[in-house]
Amino acid sequence: MKKSKGGFFKRLLRFIIKAIIVFFLSSILITVIFRFVPVPGTPLMVIRFFEQTFGDKDVVFSKDWVSIDEMSKNVVVAAIAAEDQKFPDHWGFDLASIEKAMQHNKKKKRVHGASTISQQTAKNVFLWPHRDWIRKGLEVYFTFLIETIWSKERIIEVYLNIVELGNGVYGVEAASQKYFKKPAIKLTKAEAALLVSAFPNPFKFNPGKPSGYMFKRQQWIMGQMNNIEPTIEFK
Protein backbone atom coordinates (compact mmCIF):
# COMPACT_ATOMS: atom_id res chain seq x y z
CA MET A 1 0.00 0.00 0.00
CA LYS A 2 2.83 2.40 0.88
CA LYS A 3 4.60 1.65 -2.38
CA SER A 4 1.35 2.20 -4.25
CA LYS A 5 0.86 5.60 -2.63
CA GLY A 6 4.48 6.54 -3.22
CA GLY A 7 4.20 5.54 -6.87
CA PHE A 8 1.04 7.60 -7.30
CA PHE A 9 2.61 10.77 -5.91
CA LYS A 10 5.72 10.28 -8.04
CA ARG A 11 3.58 9.92 -11.16
CA LEU A 12 1.55 12.96 -10.14
CA LEU A 13 4.72 14.99 -9.59
CA ARG A 14 6.10 13.94 -12.98
CA PHE A 15 2.81 14.88 -14.62
CA ILE A 16 2.80 18.31 -12.97
CA ILE A 17 6.41 18.96 -13.98
CA LYS A 18 5.69 17.91 -17.57
CA ALA A 19 2.56 20.08 -17.66
CA ILE A 20 4.53 23.10 -16.43
CA ILE A 21 7.26 22.53 -19.03
CA VAL A 22 4.68 22.13 -21.81
CA PHE A 23 2.91 25.32 -20.68
CA PHE A 24 6.09 27.39 -20.70
CA LEU A 25 7.34 26.04 -24.03
CA SER A 26 3.96 26.38 -25.76
CA SER A 27 3.38 29.89 -24.40
CA ILE A 28 6.80 31.01 -25.63
CA LEU A 29 6.19 29.38 -29.02
CA ILE A 30 2.77 31.01 -29.55
CA THR A 31 4.18 34.38 -28.47
CA VAL A 32 6.96 34.05 -31.05
CA ILE A 33 4.42 33.08 -33.73
CA PHE A 34 2.20 36.07 -32.91
CA ARG A 35 5.26 38.30 -33.25
CA PHE A 36 4.89 37.81 -37.00
CA VAL A 37 1.40 36.41 -37.64
CA PRO A 38 -1.91 38.27 -37.15
CA VAL A 39 -3.76 37.12 -34.04
CA PRO A 40 -6.75 35.18 -35.46
CA GLY A 41 -8.93 35.44 -32.37
CA THR A 42 -8.97 35.91 -28.62
CA PRO A 43 -10.68 34.25 -25.64
CA LEU A 44 -12.97 37.29 -25.34
CA MET A 45 -14.10 36.89 -28.95
CA VAL A 46 -14.98 33.25 -28.26
CA ILE A 47 -16.89 34.22 -25.11
CA ARG A 48 -18.83 36.92 -26.98
CA PHE A 49 -19.66 34.44 -29.77
CA PHE A 50 -21.22 32.01 -27.30
CA GLU A 51 -23.05 34.85 -25.53
CA GLN A 52 -24.56 35.87 -28.87
CA THR A 53 -25.29 32.30 -29.96
CA PHE A 54 -27.07 31.26 -26.77
CA GLY A 55 -28.41 34.70 -25.86
CA ASP A 56 -30.98 36.95 -27.48
CA LYS A 57 -28.51 38.81 -29.71
CA ASP A 58 -27.74 38.29 -33.38
CA VAL A 59 -24.35 36.75 -34.07
CA VAL A 60 -22.15 39.63 -35.24
CA PHE A 61 -18.43 39.48 -35.92
CA SER A 62 -16.45 42.23 -37.60
CA LYS A 63 -12.65 42.17 -37.45
CA ASP A 64 -10.23 43.39 -40.11
CA TRP A 65 -6.54 43.06 -39.34
CA VAL A 66 -4.34 45.90 -40.59
CA SER A 67 -0.67 46.63 -39.99
CA ILE A 68 0.36 49.67 -37.99
CA ASP A 69 1.37 51.29 -41.29
CA GLU A 70 -2.28 51.04 -42.37
CA MET A 71 -3.50 52.92 -39.31
CA SER A 72 -3.59 56.66 -38.95
CA LYS A 73 -0.87 57.83 -36.59
CA ASN A 74 -3.68 59.74 -34.90
CA VAL A 75 -5.26 56.57 -33.53
CA VAL A 76 -1.92 55.24 -32.27
CA VAL A 77 -1.16 58.50 -30.47
CA ALA A 78 -4.74 58.74 -29.16
CA ALA A 79 -4.56 55.25 -27.64
CA ILE A 80 -1.26 56.01 -25.92
CA ALA A 81 -2.50 59.42 -24.75
CA ALA A 82 -5.66 57.96 -23.25
CA GLU A 83 -4.53 54.58 -21.95
CA ASP A 84 -0.81 54.60 -21.17
CA GLN A 85 1.34 57.67 -21.75
CA LYS A 86 4.46 55.91 -20.47
CA PHE A 87 4.01 53.04 -22.95
CA PRO A 88 7.00 53.88 -25.19
CA ASP A 89 9.37 53.87 -22.22
CA HIS A 90 8.25 51.32 -19.63
CA TRP A 91 9.00 47.58 -19.63
CA GLY A 92 5.36 46.51 -19.37
CA PHE A 93 4.38 47.84 -15.95
CA ASP A 94 3.86 51.34 -14.59
CA LEU A 95 4.80 50.90 -10.93
CA ALA A 96 3.92 54.48 -10.00
CA SER A 97 0.41 54.11 -11.42
CA ILE A 98 -0.02 50.73 -9.71
CA GLU A 99 0.92 52.23 -6.34
CA LYS A 100 -1.40 55.18 -6.93
CA ALA A 101 -4.29 52.86 -7.85
CA MET A 102 -3.69 50.72 -4.76
CA GLN A 103 -3.83 53.78 -2.52
CA HIS A 104 -7.04 54.94 -4.22
CA ASN A 105 -8.69 51.52 -3.95
CA LYS A 106 -8.02 51.40 -0.20
CA LYS A 107 -10.09 54.55 0.28
CA LYS A 108 -12.75 54.26 -2.43
CA LYS A 109 -15.35 51.63 -3.27
CA ARG A 110 -14.93 52.16 -7.01
CA VAL A 111 -11.84 50.23 -8.09
CA HIS A 112 -9.31 51.95 -10.33
CA GLY A 113 -7.04 49.85 -12.52
CA ALA A 114 -3.49 50.64 -13.55
CA SER A 115 -2.99 48.24 -16.44
CA THR A 116 -0.61 49.36 -19.15
CA ILE A 117 -1.24 48.81 -22.85
CA SER A 118 1.18 45.88 -22.64
CA GLN A 119 -0.82 44.30 -19.81
CA GLN A 120 -4.11 44.85 -21.62
CA THR A 121 -2.68 43.30 -24.78
CA ALA A 122 -1.37 40.26 -22.88
CA LYS A 123 -4.74 39.80 -21.19
CA ASN A 124 -6.75 40.25 -24.39
CA VAL A 125 -4.63 37.89 -26.50
CA PHE A 126 -4.02 35.05 -24.06
CA LEU A 127 -6.42 35.23 -21.11
CA TRP A 128 -10.02 35.49 -19.99
CA PRO A 129 -11.58 38.88 -19.10
CA HIS A 130 -12.74 38.28 -15.52
CA ARG A 131 -10.57 39.45 -12.64
CA ASP A 132 -9.00 36.92 -10.30
CA TRP A 133 -5.56 36.33 -8.81
CA ILE A 134 -4.70 33.45 -11.16
CA ARG A 135 -5.42 35.59 -14.20
CA LYS A 136 -3.45 38.51 -12.79
CA GLY A 137 -0.47 36.24 -12.19
CA LEU A 138 -0.62 34.89 -15.73
CA GLU A 139 -1.08 38.44 -17.02
CA VAL A 140 2.25 39.40 -15.44
CA TYR A 141 3.91 36.40 -17.09
CA PHE A 142 2.48 37.05 -20.57
CA THR A 143 3.23 40.77 -20.27
CA PHE A 144 6.86 39.87 -19.61
CA LEU A 145 6.81 37.56 -22.64
CA ILE A 146 5.45 40.07 -25.14
CA GLU A 147 7.69 42.85 -23.82
CA THR A 148 10.66 40.51 -24.30
CA ILE A 149 9.73 38.97 -27.66
CA TRP A 150 7.68 41.68 -29.39
CA SER A 151 8.62 45.24 -30.25
CA LYS A 152 6.63 48.17 -28.89
CA GLU A 153 5.25 48.74 -32.39
CA ARG A 154 4.01 45.15 -32.48
CA ILE A 155 2.36 45.44 -29.07
CA ILE A 156 0.38 48.56 -30.01
CA GLU A 157 -0.40 47.06 -33.43
CA VAL A 158 -1.90 43.92 -31.87
CA TYR A 159 -3.69 45.96 -29.20
CA LEU A 160 -5.42 48.17 -31.75
CA ASN A 161 -6.39 45.17 -33.89
CA ILE A 162 -8.15 43.19 -31.15
CA VAL A 163 -9.64 45.84 -28.86
CA GLU A 164 -13.41 45.46 -28.46
CA LEU A 165 -15.33 48.46 -29.81
CA GLY A 166 -18.96 47.41 -29.83
CA ASN A 167 -21.15 44.36 -30.25
CA GLY A 168 -19.04 41.99 -32.35
CA VAL A 169 -16.70 44.79 -33.45
CA TYR A 170 -12.98 44.25 -32.88
CA GLY A 171 -10.08 46.46 -33.86
CA VAL A 172 -9.83 50.03 -35.04
CA GLU A 173 -10.19 49.13 -38.73
CA ALA A 174 -13.58 47.44 -38.28
CA ALA A 175 -14.68 50.20 -35.89
CA SER A 176 -13.57 52.96 -38.24
CA GLN A 177 -15.52 51.38 -41.10
CA LYS A 178 -18.60 50.95 -38.90
CA TYR A 179 -18.69 54.33 -37.19
CA PHE A 180 -16.97 56.66 -39.66
CA LYS A 181 -17.36 54.84 -43.00
CA LYS A 182 -13.66 55.08 -43.74
CA PRO A 183 -10.48 53.01 -43.24
CA ALA A 184 -8.46 53.51 -40.07
CA ILE A 185 -5.62 55.11 -42.00
CA LYS A 186 -7.87 58.10 -42.75
CA LEU A 187 -9.01 58.80 -39.19
CA THR A 188 -8.64 62.44 -38.18
CA LYS A 189 -7.36 63.47 -34.77
CA ALA A 190 -10.90 64.19 -33.57
CA GLU A 191 -12.25 60.87 -34.88
CA ALA A 192 -9.36 58.90 -33.38
CA ALA A 193 -9.86 60.57 -29.99
CA LEU A 194 -13.61 59.87 -30.09
CA LEU A 195 -13.01 56.22 -30.99
CA VAL A 196 -10.48 55.76 -28.19
CA SER A 197 -12.85 57.40 -25.71
CA ALA A 198 -14.99 54.25 -26.02
CA PHE A 199 -12.16 51.86 -25.02
CA PRO A 200 -13.03 51.63 -21.30
CA ASN A 201 -16.60 50.42 -21.95
CA PRO A 202 -17.50 49.78 -25.61
CA PHE A 203 -21.05 48.72 -24.74
CA LYS A 204 -21.77 51.89 -22.78
CA PHE A 205 -19.92 54.30 -25.07
CA ASN A 206 -20.86 54.31 -28.76
CA PRO A 207 -18.65 56.37 -31.13
CA GLY A 208 -21.54 56.36 -33.60
CA LYS A 209 -23.80 58.04 -31.03
CA PRO A 210 -21.41 59.85 -28.69
CA SER A 211 -22.62 61.09 -25.33
CA GLY A 212 -21.69 64.37 -23.68
CA TYR A 213 -19.16 62.51 -21.57
CA MET A 214 -17.53 61.08 -24.69
CA PHE A 215 -17.18 64.54 -26.21
CA LYS A 216 -15.53 65.77 -23.00
CA ARG A 217 -13.26 62.75 -23.00
CA GLN A 218 -12.48 63.36 -26.68
CA GLN A 219 -11.35 66.93 -25.95
CA TRP A 220 -9.15 65.76 -23.08
CA ILE A 221 -7.55 63.07 -25.24
CA MET A 222 -6.86 65.56 -28.03
CA GLY A 223 -5.16 67.86 -25.55
CA GLN A 224 -2.99 65.00 -24.33
CA MET A 225 -2.20 64.04 -27.93
CA ASN A 226 -0.84 67.52 -28.57
CA ASN A 227 1.38 67.18 -25.50
CA ILE A 228 2.84 63.73 -26.14
CA GLU A 229 2.91 63.38 -29.94
CA PRO A 230 6.27 65.17 -30.39
CA THR A 231 7.83 62.96 -27.70
CA ILE A 232 6.64 59.53 -28.88
CA GLU A 233 9.53 57.35 -29.93
CA PHE A 234 9.32 53.60 -29.48
CA LYS A 235 12.29 51.80 -27.96
Foldseek 3Di string as FASTA:
>chain_A
DVVVVVVVVVVVVVVVVVVVVCVVVVLLVVLLVLLPDAQPAWPVLVVLQVCQVPHDHPRAADFDADAPVQAAVLLLLLLCLQAPVCLQPDLFFDVVQQVVQVVVVVPDVDHDDRGHLLLVLQCGHYHDDDDDPVSVVVSVVSSNSCSVNHFSSSSSSNSQRAQDQANNAGHPQSLCCVQVVDGRNPDDNLLSLLSSLCRVPNHVAHSNDGDPVSNVSSVSSSVSSVVCVVPDDHD
